[in-house]
């Protein structure tokens, strides 16, 4: 009798110490991005030559005034100053570690029990209640125009291969607000009511046209850019907070020198280091769970309201893992 009791106790203890089954952590959902049906190809425009629009389109950043440019040394070569928008990067955002929605919902779990995210219910803080969220994210190199060979030998296209360039599950800074201050120490300057209230203006500007680049601490309607991690203190909806996590990851890539400036006169002869994100350089399009491929807000600016384009695009079970395509403005001297 005693042996049976001890055996039962040991079995119960062993079960308690076993890791939770994969299903308990949530099933990873997603689909591969179809370059024909899942891409908002109207987001490629406008295309400009100098300050003139060759093909009109969505709100655009400023372009070099002159249509000609010169690059190279010791003898500069004369070229044409063109501007266009390119689909350049993909981002996964999910609460499930090692889940890759843009890779068809693949789960590449190496067996490390880390990085679990979540949504939490209302919590009391500062005299009010708020929902919070914790996200993991992945950053892909995705030079789609180069792969599709839309223009052969067009040197302004980024000639790179598909690559998973960053995974936050293995980044201790992504999951800890204190450690994150190592790369964003300026957070202390903007953790005040005045700086937060100013983000309302960025929200309006980003939704109507382009975000205010000088207000780099704001992600407009989505919340503050700091800390640069997946801990979202104001989770209003899954789409809103997942987009904020994607935008913070993009800022983090720039701060760490893994993403560079590509817009404006300074970028005509090549990319340049940009530790403070120029928000107007990017547009964001949802690819998972439902692609936004048409309409005014299909690829909206960083910090733009998520209500017009993405309402109803998050749903239980199969619509909780998100994928986003980053459209990047490119100014280039076509030699």
C-alpha atoms as a PDB file:
ATOM      1  CA  UNK A   1       0.000   0.000   0.000  1.00  0.00           C
ATOM      2  CA  UNK A   2       2.801   2.356   0.954  1.00  0.00           C
ATOM      3  CA  UNK A   3       4.687   1.478  -2.243  1.00  0.00           C
ATOM      4  CA  UNK A   4       1.631   2.282  -4.355  1.00  0.00           C
ATOM      5  CA  UNK A   5       1.184   5.600  -2.546  1.00  0.00           C
ATOM      6  CA  UNK A   6       4.840   6.515  -3.073  1.00  0.00           C
ATOM      7  CA  UNK A   7       4.648   5.484  -6.730  1.00  0.00           C
ATOM      8  CA  UNK A   8       1.546   7.640  -7.240  1.00  0.00           C
ATOM      9  CA  UNK A   9       3.214  10.621  -5.573  1.00  0.00           C
ATOM     10  CA  UNK A  10       6.348  10.243  -7.705  1.00  0.00           C
ATOM     11  CA  UNK A  11       4.256   9.962 -10.871  1.00  0.00           C
ATOM     12  CA  UNK A  12       2.314  13.095  -9.983  1.00  0.00           C
ATOM     13  CA  UNK A  13       5.545  14.956  -9.246  1.00  0.00           C
ATOM     14  CA  UNK A  14       7.050  13.840 -12.563  1.00  0.00           C
ATOM     15  CA  UNK A  15       3.991  15.044 -14.472  1.00  0.00           C
ATOM     16  CA  UNK A  16       4.133  18.403 -12.703  1.00  0.00           C
ATOM     17  CA  UNK A  17       7.778  18.848 -13.682  1.00  0.00           C
ATOM     18  CA  UNK A  18       7.241  17.972 -17.336  1.00  0.00           C
ATOM     19  CA  UNK A  19       7.107  20.947 -19.769  1.00  0.00           C
ATOM     20  CA  UNK A  20       3.662  21.932 -20.969  1.00  0.00           C
ATOM     21  CA  UNK A  21       2.633  20.230 -24.198  1.00  0.00           C
ATOM     22  CA  UNK A  22       3.036  22.224 -27.390  1.00  0.00           C
ATOM     23  CA  UNK A  23      -0.710  22.521 -27.785  1.00  0.00           C
ATOM     24  CA  UNK A  24      -0.969  24.300 -24.429  1.00  0.00           C
ATOM     25  CA  UNK A  25       1.351  26.992 -25.744  1.00  0.00           C
ATOM     26  CA  UNK A  26      -0.983  27.522 -28.691  1.00  0.00           C
ATOM     27  CA  UNK A  27      -0.968  26.248 -32.243  1.00  0.00           C
ATOM     28  CA  UNK A  28       0.988  28.404 -34.684  1.00  0.00           C
ATOM     29  CA  UNK A  29      -1.104  29.698 -37.586  1.00  0.00           C
ATOM     30  CA  UNK A  30      -0.181  31.502 -40.781  1.00  0.00           C
ATOM     31  CA  UNK A  31       0.411  31.246 -44.514  1.00  0.00           C
ATOM     32  CA  UNK A  32       3.231  31.894 -46.931  1.00  0.00           C
ATOM     33  CA  UNK A  33       3.031  35.317 -48.575  1.00  0.00           C
ATOM     34  CA  UNK A  34       1.838  34.982 -52.163  1.00  0.00           C
ATOM     35  CA  UNK A  35       3.644  37.663 -54.225  1.00  0.00           C
ATOM     36  CA  UNK A  36       0.678  37.922 -56.592  1.00  0.00           C
ATOM     37  CA  UNK A  37      -2.378  37.939 -54.337  1.00  0.00           C
ATOM     38  CA  UNK A  38      -1.002  39.044 -50.935  1.00  0.00           C
ATOM     39  CA  UNK A  39       0.942  42.142 -51.988  1.00  0.00           C
ATOM     40  CA  UNK A  40      -0.583  45.614 -52.293  1.00  0.00           C
ATOM     41  CA  UNK A  41       1.110  46.505 -55.562  1.00  0.00           C
ATOM     42  CA  UNK A  42      -0.409  49.999 -55.616  1.00  0.00           C
ATOM     43  CA  UNK A  43       1.808  50.680 -52.564  1.00  0.00           C
ATOM     44  CA  UNK A  44       4.755  50.813 -54.979  1.00  0.00           C
ATOM     45  CA  UNK A  45       3.693  54.321 -56.017  1.00  0.00           C
ATOM     46  CA  UNK A  46       4.406  57.188 -56.344  1.00  0.00           C
ATOM     47  CA  UNK A  47       7.464  56.909 -58.570  1.00  0.00           C
ATOM     48  CA  UNK A  48       9.395  60.134 -58.926  1.00  0.00           C
ATOM     49  CA  UNK A  49      12.190  61.629 -60.982  1.00  0.00           C
ATOM     50  CA  UNK A  50      13.779  64.377 -58.949  1.00  0.00           C
ATOM     51  CA  UNK A  51      10.948  66.436 -57.512  1.00  0.00           C
ATOM     52  CA  UNK A  52       8.465  65.427 -60.242  1.00  0.00           C
ATOM     53  CA  UNK A  53       5.979  62.580 -59.854  1.00  0.00           C
ATOM     54  CA  UNK A  54       6.154  60.232 -62.851  1.00  0.00           C
ATOM     55  CA  UNK A  55       3.396  58.077 -61.400  1.00  0.00           C
ATOM     56  CA  UNK A  56       1.219  59.473 -58.608  1.00  0.00           C
ATOM     57  CA  UNK A  57       0.149  57.426 -55.628  1.00  0.00           C
ATOM     58  CA  UNK A  58       0.025  57.515 -51.838  1.00  0.00           C
ATOM     59  CA  UNK A  59       1.526  60.169 -49.545  1.00  0.00           C
ATOM     60  CA  UNK A  60       5.234  60.455 -50.258  1.00  0.00           C
ATOM     61  CA  UNK A  61       8.370  61.690 -48.534  1.00  0.00           C
ATOM     62  CA  UNK A  62      10.339  64.595 -49.966  1.00  0.00           C
ATOM     63  CA  UNK A  63      12.559  63.820 -52.955  1.00  0.00           C
ATOM     64  CA  UNK A  64      15.683  65.548 -54.315  1.00  0.00           C
ATOM     65  CA  UNK A  65      14.699  68.607 -56.311  1.00  0.00           C
ATOM     66  CA  UNK A  66      17.025  67.989 -59.275  1.00  0.00           C
ATOM     67  CA  UNK A  67      16.396  65.086 -61.680  1.00  0.00           C
ATOM     68  CA  UNK A  68      20.138  64.454 -62.174  1.00  0.00           C
ATOM     69  CA  UNK A  69      22.680  63.231 -59.648  1.00  0.00           C
ATOM     70  CA  UNK A  70      26.315  62.151 -59.507  1.00  0.00           C
ATOM     71  CA  UNK A  71      27.934  59.293 -57.595  1.00  0.00           C
ATOM     72  CA  UNK A  72      31.321  57.626 -57.483  1.00  0.00           C
ATOM     73  CA  UNK A  73      34.928  58.640 -57.125  1.00  0.00           C
ATOM     74  CA  UNK A  74      37.422  59.748 -58.208  1.00  0.00           C
ATOM     75  CA  UNK A  75      35.408  60.437 -61.351  1.00  0.00           C
ATOM     76  CA  UNK A  76      31.684  60.925 -60.549  1.00  0.00           C
ATOM     77  CA  UNK A  77      29.154  59.294 -62.843  1.00  0.00           C
ATOM     78  CA  UNK A  78      25.997  61.163 -63.801  1.00  0.00           C
ATOM     79  CA  UNK A  79      22.636  59.477 -63.244  1.00  0.00           C
ATOM     80  CA  UNK A  80      18.939  60.058 -62.687  1.00  0.00           C
ATOM     81  CA  UNK A  81      17.551  60.711 -59.200  1.00  0.00           C
ATOM     82  CA  UNK A  82      14.592  58.371 -58.871  1.00  0.00           C
ATOM     83  CA  UNK A  83      12.338  57.583 -55.947  1.00  0.00           C
ATOM     84  CA  UNK A  84      10.017  54.615 -55.374  1.00  0.00           C
ATOM     85  CA  UNK A  85       8.612  52.360 -52.622  1.00  0.00           C
ATOM     86  CA  UNK A  86       9.828  48.774 -52.362  1.00  0.00           C
ATOM     87  CA  UNK A  87       8.597  45.739 -50.396  1.00  0.00           C
ATOM     88  CA  UNK A  88      11.778  45.073 -48.456  1.00  0.00           C
ATOM     89  CA  UNK A  89      11.188  43.321 -45.121  1.00  0.00           C
ATOM     90  CA  UNK A  90       8.744  40.971 -43.397  1.00  0.00           C
ATOM     91  CA  UNK A  91       7.941  40.883 -39.673  1.00  0.00           C
ATOM     92  CA  UNK A  92       6.208  38.177 -37.635  1.00  0.00           C
ATOM     93  CA  UNK A  93       4.487  39.190 -34.399  1.00  0.00           C
ATOM     94  CA  UNK A  94       3.121  36.474 -32.128  1.00  0.00           C
ATOM     95  CA  UNK A  95       2.659  35.540 -28.499  1.00  0.00           C
ATOM     96  CA  UNK A  96       3.883  31.996 -29.263  1.00  0.00           C
ATOM     97  CA  UNK A  97       7.657  31.541 -29.174  1.00  0.00           C
ATOM     98  CA  UNK A  98       9.292  30.144 -32.323  1.00  0.00           C
ATOM     99  CA  UNK A  99       6.074  30.631 -34.322  1.00  0.00           C
ATOM    100  CA  UNK A 100       6.565  31.963 -37.871  1.00  0.00           C
ATOM    101  CA  UNK A 101       3.237  33.084 -39.413  1.00  0.00           C
ATOM    102  CA  UNK A 102       4.865  34.340 -42.632  1.00  0.00           C
ATOM    103  CA  UNK A 103       6.466  30.909 -43.115  1.00  0.00           C
ATOM    104  CA  UNK A 104       3.111  29.187 -43.309  1.00  0.00           C
ATOM    105  CA  UNK A 105       2.594  28.923 -39.571  1.00  0.00           C
ATOM    106  CA  UNK A 106       5.749  26.862 -39.119  1.00  0.00           C
ATOM    107  CA  UNK A 107       6.989  26.337 -35.574  1.00  0.00           C
ATOM    108  CA  UNK A 108      10.782  25.976 -35.362  1.00  0.00           C
ATOM    109  CA  UNK A 109      11.129  25.125 -31.694  1.00  0.00           C
ATOM    110  CA  UNK A 110      14.737  24.299 -30.715  1.00  0.00           C
ATOM    111  CA  UNK A 111      13.560  23.014 -27.337  1.00  0.00           C
ATOM    112  CA  UNK A 112      14.263  26.183 -25.368  1.00  0.00           C
ATOM    113  CA  UNK A 113      11.387  27.015 -23.039  1.00  0.00           C
ATOM    114  CA  UNK A 114      11.719  30.791 -23.338  1.00  0.00           C
ATOM    115  CA  UNK A 115       9.915  33.740 -24.811  1.00  0.00           C
ATOM    116  CA  UNK A 116       6.303  32.953 -23.964  1.00  0.00           C
ATOM    117  CA  UNK A 117       4.058  35.947 -24.683  1.00  0.00           C
ATOM    118  CA  UNK A 118       0.487  36.645 -23.680  1.00  0.00           C
ATOM    119  CA  UNK A 119      -2.395  39.062 -23.486  1.00  0.00           C
ATOM    120  CA  UNK A 120      -3.425  39.908 -19.937  1.00  0.00           C
ATOM    121  CA  UNK A 121      -6.750  41.068 -18.594  1.00  0.00           C
ATOM    122  CA  UNK A 122      -7.429  44.480 -17.069  1.00  0.00           C
ATOM    123  CA  UNK A 123      -4.902  45.467 -14.421  1.00  0.00           C
ATOM    124  CA  UNK A 124      -5.156  48.386 -12.044  1.00  0.00           C
ATOM    125  CA  UNK A 125      -2.365  50.919 -12.276  1.00  0.00           C
ATOM    126  CA  UNK A 126      -2.187  54.647 -11.688  1.00  0.00           C
ATOM    127  CA  UNK A 127      -5.842  54.804 -10.738  1.00  0.00           C
ATOM    128  CA  UNK A 128      -7.059  53.184 -13.961  1.00  0.00           C
ATOM    129  CA  UNK A 129      -7.235  49.779 -15.588  1.00  0.00           C
ATOM    130  CA  UNK A 130      -5.380  48.702 -18.707  1.00  0.00           C
ATOM    131  CA  UNK A 131      -4.771  45.557 -20.721  1.00  0.00           C
ATOM    132  CA  UNK A 132      -1.180  44.550 -21.459  1.00  0.00           C
ATOM    133  CA  UNK A 133       0.509  42.231 -23.967  1.00  0.00           C
ATOM    134  CA  UNK A 134       3.855  40.561 -24.535  1.00  0.00           C
ATOM    135  CA  UNK A 135       4.922  39.737 -28.103  1.00  0.00           C
ATOM    136  CA  UNK A 136       7.770  37.948 -29.833  1.00  0.00           C
ATOM    137  CA  UNK A 137       8.829  39.083 -33.314  1.00  0.00           C
ATOM    138  CA  UNK A 138      10.985  37.999 -36.261  1.00  0.00           C
ATOM    139  CA  UNK A 139      12.595  40.197 -38.895  1.00  0.00           C
ATOM    140  CA  UNK A 140      13.105  38.876 -42.461  1.00  0.00           C
ATOM    141  CA  UNK A 141      15.092  40.210 -45.398  1.00  0.00           C
ATOM    142  CA  UNK A 142      12.566  40.154 -48.254  1.00  0.00           C
ATOM    143  CA  UNK A 143      13.730  42.022 -51.421  1.00  0.00           C
ATOM    144  CA  UNK A 144      10.744  41.009 -53.512  1.00  0.00           C
ATOM    145  CA  UNK A 145      11.315  43.320 -56.502  1.00  0.00           C
ATOM    146  CA  UNK A 146      14.821  41.930 -57.028  1.00  0.00           C
ATOM    147  CA  UNK A 147      13.590  38.333 -56.956  1.00  0.00           C
ATOM    148  CA  UNK A 148      10.800  38.970 -59.415  1.00  0.00           C
ATOM    149  CA  UNK A 149      13.192  40.678 -61.854  1.00  0.00           C
ATOM    150  CA  UNK A 150      10.627  43.348 -62.651  1.00  0.00           C
ATOM    151  CA  UNK A 151      13.427  45.476 -64.106  1.00  0.00           C
ATOM    152  CA  UNK A 152      16.486  43.501 -65.155  1.00  0.00           C
ATOM    153  CA  UNK A 153      19.867  44.950 -64.106  1.00  0.00           C
ATOM    154  CA  UNK A 154      18.222  47.749 -62.141  1.00  0.00           C
ATOM    155  CA  UNK A 155      20.979  48.580 -59.648  1.00  0.00           C
ATOM    156  CA  UNK A 156      18.655  50.384 -57.252  1.00  0.00           C
ATOM    157  CA  UNK A 157      17.057  47.088 -56.181  1.00  0.00           C
ATOM    158  CA  UNK A 158      18.586  45.424 -53.144  1.00  0.00           C
ATOM    159  CA  UNK A 159      20.339  42.287 -54.412  1.00  0.00           C
ATOM    160  CA  UNK A 160      19.924  39.981 -51.439  1.00  0.00           C
ATOM    161  CA  UNK A 161      18.462  36.585 -50.639  1.00  0.00           C
ATOM    162  CA  UNK A 162      15.644  35.701 -48.282  1.00  0.00           C
ATOM    163  CA  UNK A 163      16.869  35.510 -44.701  1.00  0.00           C
ATOM    164  CA  UNK A 164      15.531  35.418 -41.153  1.00  0.00           C
ATOM    165  CA  UNK A 165      17.713  38.210 -39.861  1.00  0.00           C
ATOM    166  CA  UNK A 166      16.504  38.544 -36.250  1.00  0.00           C
ATOM    167  CA  UNK A 167      14.569  36.537 -33.665  1.00  0.00           C
ATOM    168  CA  UNK A 168      13.597  38.170 -30.385  1.00  0.00           C
ATOM    169  CA  UNK A 169      13.239  34.896 -28.474  1.00  0.00           C
ATOM    170  CA  UNK A 170      17.008  34.791 -28.008  1.00  0.00           C
ATOM    171  CA  UNK A 171      17.401  38.508 -27.276  1.00  0.00           C
ATOM    172  CA  UNK A 172      17.381  39.238 -23.504  1.00  0.00           C
ATOM    173  CA  UNK A 173      16.803  42.953 -24.173  1.00  0.00           C
ATOM    174  CA  UNK A 174      13.461  42.228 -25.876  1.00  0.00           C
ATOM    175  CA  UNK A 175      11.857  40.727 -22.790  1.00  0.00           C
ATOM    176  CA  UNK A 176      13.224  43.016 -20.074  1.00  0.00           C
ATOM    177  CA  UNK A 177      12.405  46.726 -19.798  1.00  0.00           C
ATOM    178  CA  UNK A 178      15.447  47.421 -17.631  1.00  0.00           C
ATOM    179  CA  UNK A 179      17.927  45.789 -20.005  1.00  0.00           C
ATOM    180  CA  UNK A 180      16.311  47.560 -22.960  1.00  0.00           C
ATOM    181  CA  UNK A 181      17.516  50.920 -21.595  1.00  0.00           C
ATOM    182  CA  UNK A 182      21.007  49.904 -22.757  1.00  0.00           C
ATOM    183  CA  UNK A 183      19.953  50.720 -26.333  1.00  0.00           C
ATOM    184  CA  UNK A 184      17.304  53.393 -25.618  1.00  0.00           C
ATOM    185  CA  UNK A 185      18.621  55.430 -22.643  1.00  0.00           C
ATOM    186  CA  UNK A 186      16.674  58.464 -23.879  1.00  0.00           C
ATOM    187  CA  UNK A 187      13.492  56.836 -22.586  1.00  0.00           C
ATOM    188  CA  UNK A 188      13.974  58.837 -19.369  1.00  0.00           C
ATOM    189  CA  UNK A 189      13.443  62.084 -21.302  1.00  0.00           C
ATOM    190  CA  UNK A 190      10.052  61.046 -22.695  1.00  0.00           C
ATOM    191  CA  UNK A 191       8.494  59.211 -19.757  1.00  0.00           C
ATOM    192  CA  UNK A 192       6.311  62.155 -18.812  1.00  0.00           C
ATOM    193  CA  UNK A 193       2.690  63.236 -19.481  1.00  0.00           C
ATOM    194  CA  UNK A 194       3.677  66.085 -21.813  1.00  0.00           C
ATOM    195  CA  UNK A 195       5.681  63.860 -24.172  1.00  0.00           C
ATOM    196  CA  UNK A 196       2.916  61.236 -24.191  1.00  0.00           C
ATOM    197  CA  UNK A 197       0.206  63.841 -24.890  1.00  0.00           C
ATOM    198  CA  UNK A 198       2.201  65.172 -27.843  1.00  0.00           C
ATOM    199  CA  UNK A 199       1.809  61.797 -29.555  1.00  0.00           C
ATOM    200  CA  UNK A 200      -1.810  62.673 -30.317  1.00  0.00           C
ATOM    201  CA  UNK A 201      -0.544  65.052 -32.999  1.00  0.00           C
ATOM    202  CA  UNK A 202       1.635  62.310 -34.477  1.00  0.00           C
ATOM    203  CA  UNK A 203      -1.397  60.008 -34.511  1.00  0.00           C
ATOM    204  CA  UNK A 204      -3.421  62.496 -36.557  1.00  0.00           C
ATOM    205  CA  UNK A 205      -0.551  63.241 -38.952  1.00  0.00           C
ATOM    206  CA  UNK A 206       0.293  59.571 -39.550  1.00  0.00           C
ATOM    207  CA  UNK A 207      -3.338  58.633 -40.194  1.00  0.00           C
ATOM    208  CA  UNK A 208      -3.943  61.559 -42.554  1.00  0.00           C
ATOM    209  CA  UNK A 209      -0.636  61.496 -44.413  1.00  0.00           C
ATOM    210  CA  UNK A 210       2.824  60.916 -42.922  1.00  0.00           C
ATOM    211  CA  UNK A 211       4.109  60.664 -39.335  1.00  0.00           C
ATOM    212  CA  UNK A 212       6.109  63.443 -37.692  1.00  0.00           C
ATOM    213  CA  UNK A 213       9.716  62.258 -37.870  1.00  0.00           C
ATOM    214  CA  UNK A 214      10.864  64.720 -35.214  1.00  0.00           C
ATOM    215  CA  UNK A 215       8.592  62.951 -32.690  1.00  0.00           C
ATOM    216  CA  UNK A 216      10.614  59.747 -32.843  1.00  0.00           C
ATOM    217  CA  UNK A 217       9.497  58.633 -29.366  1.00  0.00           C
ATOM    218  CA  UNK A 218       5.899  58.262 -30.616  1.00  0.00           C
ATOM    219  CA  UNK A 219       4.260  55.576 -32.676  1.00  0.00           C
ATOM    220  CA  UNK A 220       1.223  57.767 -33.220  1.00  0.00           C
ATOM    221  CA  UNK A 221      -2.084  56.073 -32.433  1.00  0.00           C
ATOM    222  CA  UNK A 222      -0.426  52.814 -31.407  1.00  0.00           C
ATOM    223  CA  UNK A 223       1.519  54.025 -28.372  1.00  0.00           C
ATOM    224  CA  UNK A 224       5.074  54.984 -27.362  1.00  0.00           C
ATOM    225  CA  UNK A 225       8.150  53.664 -29.194  1.00  0.00           C
ATOM    226  CA  UNK A 226       9.924  53.125 -25.885  1.00  0.00           C
ATOM    227  CA  UNK A 227      10.859  50.683 -24.525  1.00  0.00           C
ATOM    228  CA  UNK A 228      12.103  48.995 -27.703  1.00  0.00           C
ATOM    229  CA  UNK A 229      10.677  45.602 -26.827  1.00  0.00           C
ATOM    230  CA  UNK A 230       7.516  43.511 -26.999  1.00  0.00           C
ATOM    231  CA  UNK A 231       6.059  44.544 -23.636  1.00  0.00           C
ATOM    232  CA  UNK A 232       2.989  46.609 -24.539  1.00  0.00           C
ATOM    233  CA  UNK A 233       1.558  48.520 -21.587  1.00  0.00           C
ATOM    234  CA  UNK A 234      -1.629  49.602 -23.390  1.00  0.00           C
ATOM    235  CA  UNK A 235      -3.071  46.688 -25.355  1.00  0.00           C
ATOM    236  CA  UNK A 236      -6.230  48.071 -26.951  1.00  0.00           C
ATOM    237  CA  UNK A 237      -6.566  45.383 -29.631  1.00  0.00           C
ATOM    238  CA  UNK A 238      -4.379  42.591 -31.017  1.00  0.00           C
ATOM    239  CA  UNK A 239      -3.843  44.467 -34.287  1.00  0.00           C
ATOM    240  CA  UNK A 240      -2.893  47.723 -32.553  1.00  0.00           C
ATOM    241  CA  UNK A 241      -0.435  46.201 -30.100  1.00  0.00           C
ATOM    242  CA  UNK A 242       1.081  43.762 -32.617  1.00  0.00           C
ATOM    243  CA  UNK A 243       1.715  46.641 -35.019  1.00  0.00           C
ATOM    244  CA  UNK A 244       3.335  48.586 -32.206  1.00  0.00           C
ATOM    245  CA  UNK A 245       5.594  45.605 -31.494  1.00  0.00           C
ATOM    246  CA  UNK A 246       6.539  45.465 -35.208  1.00  0.00           C
ATOM    247  CA  UNK A 247       7.280  49.200 -35.244  1.00  0.00           C
ATOM    248  CA  UNK A 248       9.403  48.934 -32.107  1.00  0.00           C
ATOM    249  CA  UNK A 249      11.352  46.055 -33.654  1.00  0.00           C
ATOM    250  CA  UNK A 250      12.015  48.178 -36.736  1.00  0.00           C
ATOM    251  CA  UNK A 251      13.315  51.037 -34.548  1.00  0.00           C
ATOM    252  CA  UNK A 252      15.460  48.500 -32.690  1.00  0.00           C
ATOM    253  CA  UNK A 253      16.946  47.275 -35.982  1.00  0.00           C
ATOM    254  CA  UNK A 254      17.931  50.846 -36.857  1.00  0.00           C
ATOM    255  CA  UNK A 255      19.364  51.501 -33.393  1.00  0.00           C
ATOM    256  CA  UNK A 256      21.506  48.349 -33.604  1.00  0.00           C
ATOM    257  CA  UNK A 257      22.754  49.159 -37.128  1.00  0.00           C
ATOM    258  CA  UNK A 258      20.822  46.319 -38.791  1.00  0.00           C
ATOM    259  CA  UNK A 259      18.574  48.661 -40.803  1.00  0.00           C
ATOM    260  CA  UNK A 260      19.764  51.826 -42.557  1.00  0.00           C
ATOM    261  CA  UNK A 261      18.413  55.015 -44.077  1.00  0.00           C
ATOM    262  CA  UNK A 262      17.290  54.770 -47.713  1.00  0.00           C
ATOM    263  CA  UNK A 263      15.230  57.942 -48.270  1.00  0.00           C
ATOM    264  CA  UNK A 264      16.156  61.507 -49.173  1.00  0.00           C
ATOM    265  CA  UNK A 265      19.101  63.158 -50.940  1.00  0.00           C
ATOM    266  CA  UNK A 266      21.526  61.581 -48.486  1.00  0.00           C
ATOM    267  CA  UNK A 267      20.606  58.102 -49.766  1.00  0.00           C
ATOM    268  CA  UNK A 268      21.093  58.744 -53.492  1.00  0.00           C
ATOM    269  CA  UNK A 269      24.516  57.105 -53.616  1.00  0.00           C
ATOM    270  CA  UNK A 270      23.935  54.463 -50.965  1.00  0.00           C
ATOM    271  CA  UNK A 271      22.346  53.600 -47.642  1.00  0.00           C
ATOM    272  CA  UNK A 272      23.455  55.414 -44.511  1.00  0.00           C
ATOM    273  CA  UNK A 273      23.467  54.741 -40.771  1.00  0.00           C
ATOM    274  CA  UNK A 274      20.209  55.889 -39.158  1.00  0.00           C
ATOM    275  CA  UNK A 275      20.151  55.158 -35.383  1.00  0.00           C
ATOM    276  CA  UNK A 276      16.985  57.248 -34.940  1.00  0.00           C
ATOM    277  CA  UNK A 277      14.226  55.800 -37.079  1.00  0.00           C
ATOM    278  CA  UNK A 278      12.863  58.052 -39.808  1.00  0.00           C
ATOM    279  CA  UNK A 279       9.264  56.890 -39.518  1.00  0.00           C
ATOM    280  CA  UNK A 280       8.101  58.371 -42.823  1.00  0.00           C
ATOM    281  CA  UNK A 281      10.542  56.057 -44.635  1.00  0.00           C
ATOM    282  CA  UNK A 282       8.232  53.068 -44.048  1.00  0.00           C
ATOM    283  CA  UNK A 283       4.704  51.852 -44.693  1.00  0.00           C
ATOM    284  CA  UNK A 284       3.238  48.734 -43.072  1.00  0.00           C
ATOM    285  CA  UNK A 285       0.924  46.220 -44.757  1.00  0.00           C
ATOM    286  CA  UNK A 286      -0.680  43.234 -43.020  1.00  0.00           C
ATOM    287  CA  UNK A 287       0.020  39.840 -44.611  1.00  0.00           C
ATOM    288  CA  UNK A 288      -1.310  37.503 -41.863  1.00  0.00           C
ATOM    289  CA  UNK A 289      -3.916  36.450 -40.906  1.00  0.00           C
ATOM    290  CA  UNK A 290      -5.679  38.406 -43.697  1.00  0.00           C
ATOM    291  CA  UNK A 291      -3.721  40.413 -46.248  1.00  0.00           C
ATOM    292  CA  UNK A 292      -4.690  44.028 -46.868  1.00  0.00           C
ATOM    293  CA  UNK A 293      -4.118  44.482 -50.583  1.00  0.00           C
ATOM    294  CA  UNK A 294      -6.290  47.419 -51.606  1.00  0.00           C
ATOM    295  CA  UNK A 295      -7.762  50.644 -50.342  1.00  0.00           C
ATOM    296  CA  UNK A 296      -6.426  53.906 -48.998  1.00  0.00           C
ATOM    297  CA  UNK A 297      -5.092  52.364 -45.785  1.00  0.00           C
ATOM    298  CA  UNK A 298      -3.743  49.078 -47.190  1.00  0.00           C
ATOM    299  CA  UNK A 299      -0.160  50.097 -46.377  1.00  0.00           C
ATOM    300  CA  UNK A 300      -0.432  52.805 -43.767  1.00  0.00           C
ATOM    301  CA  UNK A 301       2.300  54.857 -42.140  1.00  0.00           C
ATOM    302  CA  UNK A 302       3.987  54.011 -38.860  1.00  0.00           C
ATOM    303  CA  UNK A 303       1.697  55.196 -36.078  1.00  0.00           C
ATOM    304  CA  UNK A 304      -1.421  55.439 -38.244  1.00  0.00           C
ATOM    305  CA  UNK A 305      -4.720  54.303 -36.770  1.00  0.00           C
ATOM    306  CA  UNK A 306      -5.365  50.584 -37.242  1.00  0.00           C
ATOM    307  CA  UNK A 307      -9.129  51.037 -37.157  1.00  0.00           C
ATOM    308  CA  UNK A 308      -9.802  51.851 -40.849  1.00  0.00           C
ATOM    309  CA  UNK A 309      -7.754  49.112 -42.559  1.00  0.00           C
ATOM    310  CA  UNK A 310      -7.500  46.249 -40.103  1.00  0.00           C
ATOM    311  CA  UNK A 311     -10.773  46.149 -38.164  1.00  0.00           C
ATOM    312  CA  UNK A 312     -12.028  42.553 -38.040  1.00  0.00           C
ATOM    313  CA  UNK A 313      -8.734  41.082 -39.265  1.00  0.00           C
ATOM    314  CA  UNK A 314      -7.968  39.480 -35.913  1.00  0.00           C
ATOM    315  CA  UNK A 315     -10.116  36.585 -34.692  1.00  0.00           C
ATOM    316  CA  UNK A 316      -9.821  33.741 -32.167  1.00  0.00           C
ATOM    317  CA  UNK A 317      -7.640  30.654 -32.675  1.00  0.00           C
ATOM    318  CA  UNK A 318      -6.606  31.018 -36.345  1.00  0.00           C
ATOM    319  CA  UNK A 319      -6.297  34.817 -36.394  1.00  0.00           C
ATOM    320  CA  UNK A 320      -4.019  35.529 -33.431  1.00  0.00           C
ATOM    321  CA  UNK A 321      -0.601  35.353 -35.156  1.00  0.00           C
ATOM    322  CA  UNK A 322       0.346  38.354 -37.283  1.00  0.00           C
ATOM    323  CA  UNK A 323       2.563  39.022 -40.256  1.00  0.00           C
ATOM    324  CA  UNK A 324       3.471  42.411 -41.700  1.00  0.00           C
ATOM    325  CA  UNK A 325       5.227  43.551 -44.871  1.00  0.00           C
ATOM    326  CA  UNK A 326       7.438  46.630 -44.560  1.00  0.00           C
ATOM    327  CA  UNK A 327       7.409  48.934 -47.577  1.00  0.00           C
ATOM    328  CA  UNK A 328      10.532  51.112 -47.655  1.00  0.00           C
ATOM    329  CA  UNK A 329      11.059  54.398 -49.496  1.00  0.00           C
ATOM    330  CA  UNK A 330      14.097  54.319 -51.723  1.00  0.00           C
ATOM    331  CA  UNK A 331      15.833  57.295 -53.305  1.00  0.00           C
ATOM    332  CA  UNK A 332      18.563  56.213 -55.667  1.00  0.00           C
ATOM    333  CA  UNK A 333      20.872  57.618 -58.316  1.00  0.00           C
ATOM    334  CA  UNK A 334      20.247  55.382 -61.332  1.00  0.00           C
ATOM    335  CA  UNK A 335      23.578  55.374 -63.168  1.00  0.00           C
END
